[in-house]
Amino acid sequence: MPENKLACPTCGATVITYRNPFPTVDIIIAIKDQIVLIERKNEPFGWALPGGFVDYGESFETAAVREAKEETGLDLVDLRQFRAYSNPERDPRQHNISMVFTARASGVPQGADDAATAGLFSLDALPSPLCFDHEQILNDYRSALA
């Protein structure tokens, strides 16, 4: 396990701090026969599933509902866990573990918060590039639908 050794500012003793992955959520939101993707406002740029970091004291489910609302303006129904993704290389910024959910919504997604824009796409006509490991997630989702 990666660790950092720091000196205590009071007594000078060596203190070990551990680095742990950050919990995140991603949501595959279906509206009729399309899914919602956002175009990221921040690096890494590109298209992505709506999602983000889980706040302290927040459940994965609550984070998914909150992130979907913040980034797309959509209210989710039928929220279900899909899979977890934990490859340390899945996010170029740091090691994140994502709990991926599926859900349904209605309406027109509007990009907000970390999303420059939001759009509806067929699984057979996805925009490029997709950020993180979202291509793999959507391939797994497509396979699960078959």
C-alpha atoms as a PDB file:
ATOM      1  CA  MET A   1       0.000   0.000   0.000  1.00  0.00           C
ATOM      2  CA  PRO A   2       1.504   3.379  -0.923  1.00  0.00           C
ATOM      3  CA  GLU A   3       2.284   5.442   2.102  1.00  0.00           C
ATOM      4  CA  ASN A   4       3.859   8.768   2.883  1.00  0.00           C
ATOM      5  CA  LYS A   5       5.939   9.452   5.960  1.00  0.00           C
ATOM      6  CA  LEU A   6       5.550  12.868   7.522  1.00  0.00           C
ATOM      7  CA  ALA A   7       7.016  14.496  10.595  1.00  0.00           C
ATOM      8  CA  CYS A   8       4.578  15.514  13.323  1.00  0.00           C
ATOM      9  CA  PRO A   9       4.803  19.330  13.578  1.00  0.00           C
ATOM     10  CA  THR A  10       4.477  19.171  17.382  1.00  0.00           C
ATOM     11  CA  CYS A  11       6.826  16.372  18.471  1.00  0.00           C
ATOM     12  CA  GLY A  12       8.771  15.502  15.314  1.00  0.00           C
ATOM     13  CA  ALA A  13       7.731  11.835  15.414  1.00  0.00           C
ATOM     14  CA  THR A  14       7.314  10.037  12.117  1.00  0.00           C
ATOM     15  CA  VAL A  15       3.676   9.723  11.127  1.00  0.00           C
ATOM     16  CA  ILE A  16       2.526   7.486   8.298  1.00  0.00           C
ATOM     17  CA  THR A  17      -0.322   8.686   6.112  1.00  0.00           C
ATOM     18  CA  TYR A  18      -1.965   6.311   3.673  1.00  0.00           C
ATOM     19  CA  ARG A  19      -3.200   7.163   0.207  1.00  0.00           C
ATOM     20  CA  ASN A  20      -6.537   5.644  -0.625  1.00  0.00           C
ATOM     21  CA  PRO A  21      -8.570   5.725  -3.833  1.00  0.00           C
ATOM     22  CA  PHE A  22     -11.362   8.281  -4.085  1.00  0.00           C
ATOM     23  CA  PRO A  23     -14.956   7.000  -4.341  1.00  0.00           C
ATOM     24  CA  THR A  24     -16.905   8.274  -7.344  1.00  0.00           C
ATOM     25  CA  VAL A  25     -20.145   7.529  -9.167  1.00  0.00           C
ATOM     26  CA  ASP A  26     -21.055   7.441 -12.847  1.00  0.00           C
ATOM     27  CA  ILE A  27     -24.604   7.139 -14.117  1.00  0.00           C
ATOM     28  CA  ILE A  28     -25.892   5.610 -17.352  1.00  0.00           C
ATOM     29  CA  ILE A  29     -29.120   7.588 -17.760  1.00  0.00           C
ATOM     30  CA  ALA A  30     -31.551   6.255 -20.359  1.00  0.00           C
ATOM     31  CA  ILE A  31     -34.152   8.482 -21.962  1.00  0.00           C
ATOM     32  CA  LYS A  32     -36.232   6.355 -24.306  1.00  0.00           C
ATOM     33  CA  ASP A  33     -33.673   4.553 -26.524  1.00  0.00           C
ATOM     34  CA  GLN A  34     -30.775   6.975 -25.915  1.00  0.00           C
ATOM     35  CA  ILE A  35     -28.328   7.699 -23.106  1.00  0.00           C
ATOM     36  CA  VAL A  36     -27.192  10.988 -21.613  1.00  0.00           C
ATOM     37  CA  LEU A  37     -23.580  12.079 -21.953  1.00  0.00           C
ATOM     38  CA  ILE A  38     -21.986  15.329 -20.837  1.00  0.00           C
ATOM     39  CA  GLU A  39     -19.172  17.243 -22.471  1.00  0.00           C
ATOM     40  CA  ARG A  40     -16.693  18.021 -19.706  1.00  0.00           C
ATOM     41  CA  LYS A  41     -15.950  21.643 -18.859  1.00  0.00           C
ATOM     42  CA  ASN A  42     -12.680  20.700 -17.090  1.00  0.00           C
ATOM     43  CA  GLU A  43      -9.720  18.451 -17.855  1.00  0.00           C
ATOM     44  CA  PRO A  44      -9.728  15.810 -19.002  1.00  0.00           C
ATOM     45  CA  PHE A  45     -11.858  17.230 -21.808  1.00  0.00           C
ATOM     46  CA  GLY A  46     -14.221  15.105 -23.859  1.00  0.00           C
ATOM     47  CA  TRP A  47     -17.524  13.309 -23.435  1.00  0.00           C
ATOM     48  CA  ALA A  48     -18.379  11.355 -20.301  1.00  0.00           C
ATOM     49  CA  LEU A  49     -21.141   9.782 -18.323  1.00  0.00           C
ATOM     50  CA  PRO A  50     -22.587  12.156 -15.740  1.00  0.00           C
ATOM     51  CA  GLY A  51     -20.990  11.599 -12.355  1.00  0.00           C
ATOM     52  CA  GLY A  52     -18.493  12.771  -9.815  1.00  0.00           C
ATOM     53  CA  PHE A  53     -17.059  12.412  -6.355  1.00  0.00           C
ATOM     54  CA  VAL A  54     -18.957  11.036  -3.380  1.00  0.00           C
ATOM     55  CA  ASP A  55     -19.100  13.628  -0.600  1.00  0.00           C
ATOM     56  CA  TYR A  56     -18.157  12.694   2.960  1.00  0.00           C
ATOM     57  CA  GLY A  57     -21.210  11.241   4.724  1.00  0.00           C
ATOM     58  CA  GLU A  58     -23.029  10.611   1.434  1.00  0.00           C
ATOM     59  CA  SER A  59     -24.113   7.221   0.096  1.00  0.00           C
ATOM     60  CA  PHE A  60     -23.257   6.161  -3.460  1.00  0.00           C
ATOM     61  CA  GLU A  61     -26.962   6.338  -4.326  1.00  0.00           C
ATOM     62  CA  THR A  62     -27.367   9.867  -2.963  1.00  0.00           C
ATOM     63  CA  ALA A  63     -24.233  10.966  -4.811  1.00  0.00           C
ATOM     64  CA  ALA A  64     -25.563   9.533  -8.083  1.00  0.00           C
ATOM     65  CA  VAL A  65     -28.879  11.374  -7.748  1.00  0.00           C
ATOM     66  CA  ARG A  66     -27.094  14.616  -6.787  1.00  0.00           C
ATOM     67  CA  GLU A  67     -24.486  14.452  -9.568  1.00  0.00           C
ATOM     68  CA  ALA A  68     -27.117  13.670 -12.211  1.00  0.00           C
ATOM     69  CA  LYS A  69     -29.191  16.656 -11.095  1.00  0.00           C
ATOM     70  CA  GLU A  70     -26.175  18.996 -10.914  1.00  0.00           C
ATOM     71  CA  GLU A  71     -24.747  18.056 -14.314  1.00  0.00           C
ATOM     72  CA  THR A  72     -27.890  17.378 -16.370  1.00  0.00           C
ATOM     73  CA  GLY A  73     -30.848  18.869 -14.493  1.00  0.00           C
ATOM     74  CA  LEU A  74     -32.560  15.471 -14.646  1.00  0.00           C
ATOM     75  CA  ASP A  75     -34.394  13.635 -11.894  1.00  0.00           C
ATOM     76  CA  LEU A  76     -33.626   9.911 -11.876  1.00  0.00           C
ATOM     77  CA  VAL A  77     -36.025   7.007 -11.526  1.00  0.00           C
ATOM     78  CA  ASP A  78     -35.287   3.304 -11.145  1.00  0.00           C
ATOM     79  CA  LEU A  79     -31.708   3.851  -9.924  1.00  0.00           C
ATOM     80  CA  ARG A  80     -29.799   0.539  -9.869  1.00  0.00           C
ATOM     81  CA  GLN A  81     -26.197  -0.453  -9.249  1.00  0.00           C
ATOM     82  CA  PHE A  82     -24.566  -1.712 -12.427  1.00  0.00           C
ATOM     83  CA  ARG A  83     -20.888  -2.474 -11.710  1.00  0.00           C
ATOM     84  CA  ALA A  84     -17.840  -1.086  -9.938  1.00  0.00           C
ATOM     85  CA  TYR A  85     -14.715  -0.045 -11.856  1.00  0.00           C
ATOM     86  CA  SER A  86     -11.425   0.205 -10.005  1.00  0.00           C
ATOM     87  CA  ASN A  87      -8.522   0.125 -12.461  1.00  0.00           C
ATOM     88  CA  PRO A  88      -5.939   2.526 -10.969  1.00  0.00           C
ATOM     89  CA  GLU A  89      -5.391   3.928 -14.484  1.00  0.00           C
ATOM     90  CA  ARG A  90      -9.074   4.697 -15.188  1.00  0.00           C
ATOM     91  CA  ASP A  91      -8.652   8.399 -14.343  1.00  0.00           C
ATOM     92  CA  PRO A  92      -5.447  10.259 -15.293  1.00  0.00           C
ATOM     93  CA  ARG A  93      -5.770  12.587 -12.281  1.00  0.00           C
ATOM     94  CA  GLN A  94      -5.656   9.998  -9.479  1.00  0.00           C
ATOM     95  CA  HIS A  95      -6.878   6.562  -8.465  1.00  0.00           C
ATOM     96  CA  ASN A  96     -10.682   6.659  -8.379  1.00  0.00           C
ATOM     97  CA  ILE A  97     -13.102   3.819  -7.828  1.00  0.00           C
ATOM     98  CA  SER A  98     -16.448   4.301  -9.527  1.00  0.00           C
ATOM     99  CA  MET A  99     -19.742   2.712  -8.611  1.00  0.00           C
ATOM    100  CA  VAL A 100     -21.682   2.837 -11.855  1.00  0.00           C
ATOM    101  CA  PHE A 101     -25.459   3.077 -11.779  1.00  0.00           C
ATOM    102  CA  THR A 102     -28.186   2.813 -14.376  1.00  0.00           C
ATOM    103  CA  ALA A 103     -31.317   4.919 -14.223  1.00  0.00           C
ATOM    104  CA  ARG A 104     -34.099   6.322 -16.347  1.00  0.00           C
ATOM    105  CA  ALA A 105     -35.204   9.903 -16.742  1.00  0.00           C
ATOM    106  CA  SER A 106     -37.422  12.035 -18.926  1.00  0.00           C
ATOM    107  CA  GLY A 107     -36.960  15.483 -20.335  1.00  0.00           C
ATOM    108  CA  VAL A 108     -34.089  17.236 -22.071  1.00  0.00           C
ATOM    109  CA  PRO A 109     -30.680  17.156 -20.348  1.00  0.00           C
ATOM    110  CA  GLN A 110     -29.073  20.560 -19.799  1.00  0.00           C
ATOM    111  CA  GLY A 111     -25.333  20.798 -19.146  1.00  0.00           C
ATOM    112  CA  ALA A 112     -24.506  22.541 -15.854  1.00  0.00           C
ATOM    113  CA  ASP A 113     -21.924  22.499 -13.063  1.00  0.00           C
ATOM    114  CA  ASP A 114     -18.940  20.509 -14.458  1.00  0.00           C
ATOM    115  CA  ALA A 115     -20.733  19.871 -17.761  1.00  0.00           C
ATOM    116  CA  ALA A 116     -20.300  22.358 -20.602  1.00  0.00           C
ATOM    117  CA  THR A 117     -23.135  20.658 -22.489  1.00  0.00           C
ATOM    118  CA  ALA A 118     -25.261  17.547 -22.261  1.00  0.00           C
ATOM    119  CA  GLY A 119     -26.747  15.465 -25.027  1.00  0.00           C
ATOM    120  CA  LEU A 120     -28.638  12.321 -25.918  1.00  0.00           C
ATOM    121  CA  PHE A 121     -26.865   9.625 -27.913  1.00  0.00           C
ATOM    122  CA  SER A 122     -27.599   6.202 -29.311  1.00  0.00           C
ATOM    123  CA  LEU A 123     -25.290   3.465 -28.042  1.00  0.00           C
ATOM    124  CA  ASP A 124     -24.421   2.888 -31.711  1.00  0.00           C
ATOM    125  CA  ALA A 125     -23.434   6.530 -32.336  1.00  0.00           C
ATOM    126  CA  LEU A 126     -21.388   7.767 -29.384  1.00  0.00           C
ATOM    127  CA  PRO A 127     -19.331  10.962 -29.580  1.00  0.00           C
ATOM    128  CA  SER A 128     -15.559  10.904 -29.376  1.00  0.00           C
ATOM    129  CA  PRO A 129     -13.447  11.015 -27.393  1.00  0.00           C
ATOM    130  CA  LEU A 130     -15.001   9.409 -24.339  1.00  0.00           C
ATOM    131  CA  CYS A 131     -13.135  10.209 -21.121  1.00  0.00           C
ATOM    132  CA  PHE A 132     -11.814   7.871 -18.483  1.00  0.00           C
ATOM    133  CA  ASP A 133     -12.910   4.244 -18.983  1.00  0.00           C
ATOM    134  CA  HIS A 134     -16.394   5.210 -20.120  1.00  0.00           C
ATOM    135  CA  GLU A 135     -16.040   3.405 -23.445  1.00  0.00           C
ATOM    136  CA  GLN A 136     -15.425   0.174 -21.507  1.00  0.00           C
ATOM    137  CA  ILE A 137     -18.347   0.891 -19.182  1.00  0.00           C
ATOM    138  CA  LEU A 138     -20.676   1.484 -22.123  1.00  0.00           C
ATOM    139  CA  ASN A 139     -19.409  -1.653 -23.897  1.00  0.00           C
ATOM    140  CA  ASP A 140     -20.190  -3.645 -20.736  1.00  0.00           C
ATOM    141  CA  TYR A 141     -23.618  -2.009 -20.560  1.00  0.00           C
ATOM    142  CA  ARG A 142     -24.310  -2.813 -24.215  1.00  0.00           C
ATOM    143  CA  SER A 143     -23.333  -6.455 -23.548  1.00  0.00           C
ATOM    144  CA  ALA A 144     -25.598  -6.602 -20.496  1.00  0.00           C
ATOM    145  CA  LEU A 145     -28.542  -5.429 -22.600  1.00  0.00           C
ATOM    146  CA  ALA A 146     -28.020  -8.193 -25.175  1.00  0.00           C
END
